[in-house]
Amino acid sequence: MKINWGLGIATVYVAFALAIIFLVIVASRQKNDLVTENYYQQAVSYQDKIAAESNLMNAAEVSVQYIPETGKMVISAGKQLKGANGSMVFYRPDDARKDFTIALMLDDEGQQELQVSSLKHGYWKLNISLQKQLKQYYCEKKIYQP
């Protein structure tokens, strides 16, 4: 069977058009979550965040130990930050609906143990904000839940 040039060219154009339509449909179904709801406010206060990170680097090293099998997380900030209060924001870059916040209150040893068995599979960014005697401390840690 012999195919003429006109039919071959028309077939290529139709296949290309169908591929473009398919890509437009797939792209329009993607979620486009913002990093945060108040993105511009956070951009304005970015210098405060840098100062809080510097405060933490000068005061203590924050370590996060996560045990996926038991769902336990131990946050250690050293004795310099004992009694500090703050919050931990579990940020999921691919789905804003899974983000959540946990209150953080370090004990006399500068530690807190948490049960975070609700972490879903994937990559998480942990933003830790602490305050002690009107001084702000901040750090970010990355967690991968297998």
Protein backbone atom coordinates (compact mmCIF):
# COMPACT_ATOMS: atom_id res chain seq x y z
CA MET A 1 0.00 0.00 0.00
CA LYS A 2 1.42 3.35 -0.99
CA ILE A 3 0.76 6.50 1.11
CA ASN A 4 0.97 9.84 -0.66
CA TRP A 5 2.77 12.88 0.72
CA GLY A 6 -0.41 14.80 1.52
CA LEU A 7 -1.78 12.09 3.80
CA GLY A 8 1.57 11.75 5.62
CA ILE A 9 1.84 15.49 6.25
CA ALA A 10 -1.78 15.69 7.43
CA THR A 11 -1.18 12.77 9.81
CA VAL A 12 1.86 14.49 11.34
CA TYR A 13 -0.07 17.77 11.79
CA VAL A 14 -3.02 16.00 13.43
CA ALA A 15 -0.71 14.01 15.74
CA PHE A 16 1.12 17.20 16.71
CA ALA A 17 -2.14 19.05 17.40
CA LEU A 18 -3.44 16.17 19.55
CA ALA A 19 -0.16 16.10 21.52
CA ILE A 20 -0.38 19.85 22.18
CA ILE A 21 -4.02 19.56 23.30
CA PHE A 22 -3.06 16.69 25.61
CA LEU A 23 -0.21 18.72 27.17
CA VAL A 24 -2.51 21.74 27.71
CA ILE A 25 -5.07 19.55 29.48
CA VAL A 26 -2.42 17.94 31.71
CA ALA A 27 -0.83 21.31 32.54
CA SER A 28 -4.18 22.90 33.42
CA ARG A 29 -4.90 20.16 35.99
CA GLN A 30 -1.70 20.81 37.98
CA LYS A 31 -1.97 22.49 41.38
CA ASN A 32 -0.19 25.83 41.67
CA ASP A 33 0.08 26.37 45.42
CA LEU A 34 1.87 29.44 46.67
CA VAL A 35 4.66 28.87 49.14
CA THR A 36 2.57 30.61 51.80
CA GLU A 37 -0.61 32.62 51.89
CA ASN A 38 1.15 35.76 53.12
CA TYR A 39 4.11 35.59 50.75
CA TYR A 40 4.64 39.35 50.44
CA GLN A 41 4.59 39.92 54.22
CA GLN A 42 7.26 37.26 54.65
CA ALA A 43 9.38 38.81 51.92
CA VAL A 44 9.27 42.16 53.73
CA SER A 45 10.33 40.57 57.04
CA TYR A 46 13.12 38.47 55.48
CA GLN A 47 15.84 40.49 57.24
CA ASP A 48 14.29 39.57 60.61
CA LYS A 49 14.53 35.91 59.61
CA ILE A 50 18.23 36.33 58.75
CA ALA A 51 18.85 37.98 62.13
CA ALA A 52 17.03 35.13 63.93
CA GLU A 53 19.17 32.55 62.08
CA SER A 54 22.29 34.44 63.09
CA ASN A 55 21.10 34.51 66.73
CA LEU A 56 20.68 30.74 66.67
CA MET A 57 24.09 30.14 65.10
CA ASN A 58 25.69 32.21 67.88
CA ALA A 59 23.68 30.58 70.69
CA ALA A 60 23.42 26.86 69.95
CA GLU A 61 23.15 24.18 67.30
CA VAL A 62 19.66 22.80 66.81
CA SER A 63 19.55 19.12 65.94
CA VAL A 64 16.53 17.18 64.81
CA GLN A 65 16.51 13.41 65.15
CA TYR A 66 13.64 11.73 63.38
CA ILE A 67 12.89 8.01 63.70
CA PRO A 68 10.41 7.11 60.92
CA GLU A 69 9.63 3.64 62.29
CA THR A 70 8.22 4.98 65.56
CA GLY A 71 7.14 8.42 64.36
CA LYS A 72 9.18 10.13 67.10
CA MET A 73 11.13 13.32 66.69
CA VAL A 74 13.61 14.74 69.21
CA ILE A 75 14.58 18.40 68.94
CA SER A 76 17.73 19.43 70.82
CA ALA A 77 18.81 23.04 71.08
CA GLY A 78 21.30 22.90 73.93
CA LYS A 79 21.14 24.31 77.44
CA GLN A 80 21.53 27.90 76.23
CA LEU A 81 17.95 27.78 74.92
CA LYS A 82 16.35 25.81 77.74
CA GLY A 83 12.87 27.00 78.49
CA ALA A 84 12.48 28.66 75.08
CA ASN A 85 9.04 28.61 73.46
CA GLY A 86 8.16 28.63 69.82
CA SER A 87 6.64 26.67 67.01
CA MET A 88 7.54 24.13 64.37
CA VAL A 89 5.95 24.40 60.97
CA PHE A 90 5.93 21.23 58.90
CA TYR A 91 5.87 22.51 55.33
CA ARG A 92 5.12 20.23 52.39
CA PRO A 93 6.30 21.89 49.16
CA ASP A 94 4.08 19.86 46.85
CA ASP A 95 0.80 20.12 48.78
CA ALA A 96 -0.11 23.06 51.03
CA ARG A 97 -3.08 21.18 52.49
CA LYS A 98 -0.71 18.88 54.40
CA ASP A 99 1.12 21.69 56.23
CA PHE A 100 0.71 21.83 60.01
CA THR A 101 2.16 23.58 63.06
CA ILE A 102 3.19 22.17 66.45
CA ALA A 103 3.97 24.21 69.56
CA LEU A 104 7.54 23.85 70.77
CA MET A 105 8.49 24.22 74.45
CA LEU A 106 12.01 23.11 75.30
CA ASP A 107 12.62 21.52 78.70
CA ASP A 108 15.49 22.26 81.13
CA GLU A 109 17.85 20.23 78.94
CA GLY A 110 16.90 22.20 75.84
CA GLN A 111 15.04 19.25 74.28
CA GLN A 112 11.55 18.25 73.29
CA GLU A 113 10.25 14.89 72.16
CA LEU A 114 7.31 14.83 69.74
CA GLN A 115 5.08 12.19 68.27
CA VAL A 116 4.65 13.00 64.56
CA SER A 117 3.34 9.75 63.20
CA SER A 118 0.96 11.67 60.94
CA LEU A 119 3.74 12.58 58.50
CA LYS A 120 2.86 11.37 55.04
CA HIS A 121 5.39 9.88 52.64
CA GLY A 122 7.66 12.42 50.96
CA TYR A 123 9.81 15.49 51.46
CA TRP A 124 9.10 17.90 54.33
CA LYS A 125 10.70 21.17 55.32
CA LEU A 126 10.73 21.87 59.05
CA ASN A 127 10.82 25.55 60.08
CA ILE A 128 11.68 25.99 63.76
CA SER A 129 11.05 29.38 65.38
CA LEU A 130 12.03 29.96 69.01
CA GLN A 131 11.81 32.91 71.36
CA LYS A 132 13.57 33.37 74.66
CA GLN A 133 13.67 36.66 76.56
CA LEU A 134 12.41 38.65 73.56
CA LYS A 135 15.18 37.28 71.32
CA GLN A 136 14.15 35.38 68.19
CA TYR A 137 15.82 32.19 66.91
CA TYR A 138 15.10 30.41 63.63
CA CYS A 139 16.33 27.41 61.65
CA GLU A 140 15.21 25.18 58.81
CA LYS A 141 15.69 21.43 58.61
CA LYS A 142 14.79 18.98 55.84
CA ILE A 143 13.08 15.68 56.54
CA TYR A 144 12.31 12.81 54.23
CA GLN A 145 9.57 10.38 55.28
CA PRO A 146 10.06 7.06 53.47
